[in-house]
Amino acid sequence: MNKPWFVYLIRTRQGQLYCGVTTDVSRRLIQHRQGKGARALRGKGPLSLAWQSQPMEKRTAMQREWQIKQWPKQRKEALCARFDDVRDSLD
């Protein structure tokens, strides 16, 4: 069976949102914080995970990433707000 893929949004110090895909969100966030990977995030820390998707197939994740990148920031923020609500209910 193939590894599950995730789409994620990372928030920068200035509130910008970066969208990416990975098989391991925690590992990828650490890499971004270490300045490895996306140049768009270098020097923009601290970085925090704003949202992550449910697991999915690689092709679906890449299509979803492309879709989210087309969205206006307001729609991305709404997605992050729902994610925060779920995390708050688990605490």
Protein backbone atom coordinates (compact mmCIF):
# COMPACT_ATOMS: atom_id res chain seq x y z
CA MET A 1 0.00 0.00 0.00
CA ASN A 2 1.21 3.51 -0.81
CA LYS A 3 1.98 5.99 1.94
CA PRO A 4 -0.78 8.50 2.61
CA TRP A 5 -0.18 12.08 1.51
CA PHE A 6 -1.27 15.28 3.22
CA VAL A 7 -1.79 18.86 2.12
CA TYR A 8 -0.77 21.44 4.71
CA LEU A 9 -0.70 25.18 5.34
CA ILE A 10 2.12 26.81 7.30
CA ARG A 11 1.75 30.28 8.79
CA THR A 12 4.73 32.65 8.82
CA ARG A 13 5.58 35.30 11.40
CA GLN A 14 3.82 37.91 9.24
CA GLY A 15 0.68 35.79 8.82
CA GLN A 16 1.36 34.59 5.28
CA LEU A 17 0.19 31.08 4.42
CA TYR A 18 2.33 28.58 2.52
CA CYS A 19 0.73 25.46 1.02
CA GLY A 20 2.56 22.18 0.40
CA VAL A 21 2.23 18.39 0.25
CA THR A 22 4.08 15.66 2.12
CA THR A 23 3.81 12.15 3.52
CA ASP A 24 4.89 13.34 6.99
CA VAL A 25 3.63 16.75 8.13
CA SER A 26 5.63 16.84 11.39
CA ARG A 27 8.91 16.03 9.62
CA ARG A 28 8.21 18.58 6.90
CA LEU A 29 7.41 21.33 9.41
CA ILE A 30 10.73 20.65 11.16
CA GLN A 31 12.53 20.85 7.81
CA HIS A 32 10.87 24.18 7.02
CA ARG A 33 11.83 25.52 10.45
CA GLN A 34 15.43 24.49 9.78
CA GLY A 35 15.41 26.44 6.52
CA LYS A 36 15.40 23.33 4.34
CA GLY A 37 12.97 23.00 1.48
CA ALA A 38 10.83 25.88 0.30
CA ARG A 39 12.80 29.08 -0.23
CA ALA A 40 9.57 31.02 0.23
CA LEU A 41 9.69 30.22 3.96
CA ARG A 42 13.35 30.90 4.69
CA GLY A 43 13.85 33.67 7.21
CA LYS A 44 10.10 34.05 7.80
CA GLY A 45 9.87 32.15 11.08
CA PRO A 46 8.67 31.31 13.50
CA LEU A 47 6.57 28.96 11.42
CA SER A 48 3.48 27.16 12.67
CA LEU A 49 1.18 24.52 11.26
CA ALA A 50 -2.09 26.25 10.41
CA TRP A 51 -3.91 23.32 8.78
CA GLN A 52 -3.46 19.81 7.47
CA SER A 53 -5.73 17.61 5.42
CA GLN A 54 -6.91 14.10 6.02
CA PRO A 55 -4.70 11.41 4.41
CA MET A 56 -5.19 10.89 0.69
CA GLU A 57 -3.57 9.50 -2.45
CA LYS A 58 -0.59 11.43 -3.86
CA ARG A 59 -2.41 12.54 -7.02
CA THR A 60 -5.40 13.81 -5.02
CA ALA A 61 -3.10 15.66 -2.60
CA MET A 62 -1.27 17.40 -5.44
CA GLN A 63 -4.54 18.41 -7.08
CA ARG A 64 -5.86 19.72 -3.75
CA GLU A 65 -2.65 21.68 -3.17
CA TRP A 66 -3.04 23.35 -6.57
CA GLN A 67 -6.68 24.20 -5.79
CA ILE A 68 -5.85 25.73 -2.42
CA LYS A 69 -3.04 27.79 -3.94
CA GLN A 70 -5.67 29.38 -6.21
CA TRP A 71 -7.90 30.40 -3.31
CA PRO A 72 -7.92 33.93 -1.89
CA LYS A 73 -6.38 34.28 1.57
CA GLN A 74 -9.80 34.74 3.18
CA ARG A 75 -10.86 31.25 2.09
CA LYS A 76 -7.58 29.73 3.32
CA GLU A 77 -8.08 31.48 6.67
CA ALA A 78 -11.57 29.96 6.94
CA LEU A 79 -10.05 26.52 6.39
CA CYS A 80 -7.49 27.20 9.15
CA ALA A 81 -10.22 28.42 11.52
CA ARG A 82 -12.12 25.13 11.15
CA PHE A 83 -8.87 23.25 11.87
CA ASP A 84 -8.35 25.34 15.03
CA ASP A 85 -11.89 24.56 16.15
CA VAL A 86 -11.22 20.82 15.82
CA ARG A 87 -7.92 21.07 17.72
CA ASP A 88 -9.57 23.12 20.48
CA SER A 89 -12.30 20.51 20.90
CA LEU A 90 -9.64 17.80 21.40
CA ASP A 91 -7.93 19.69 24.26
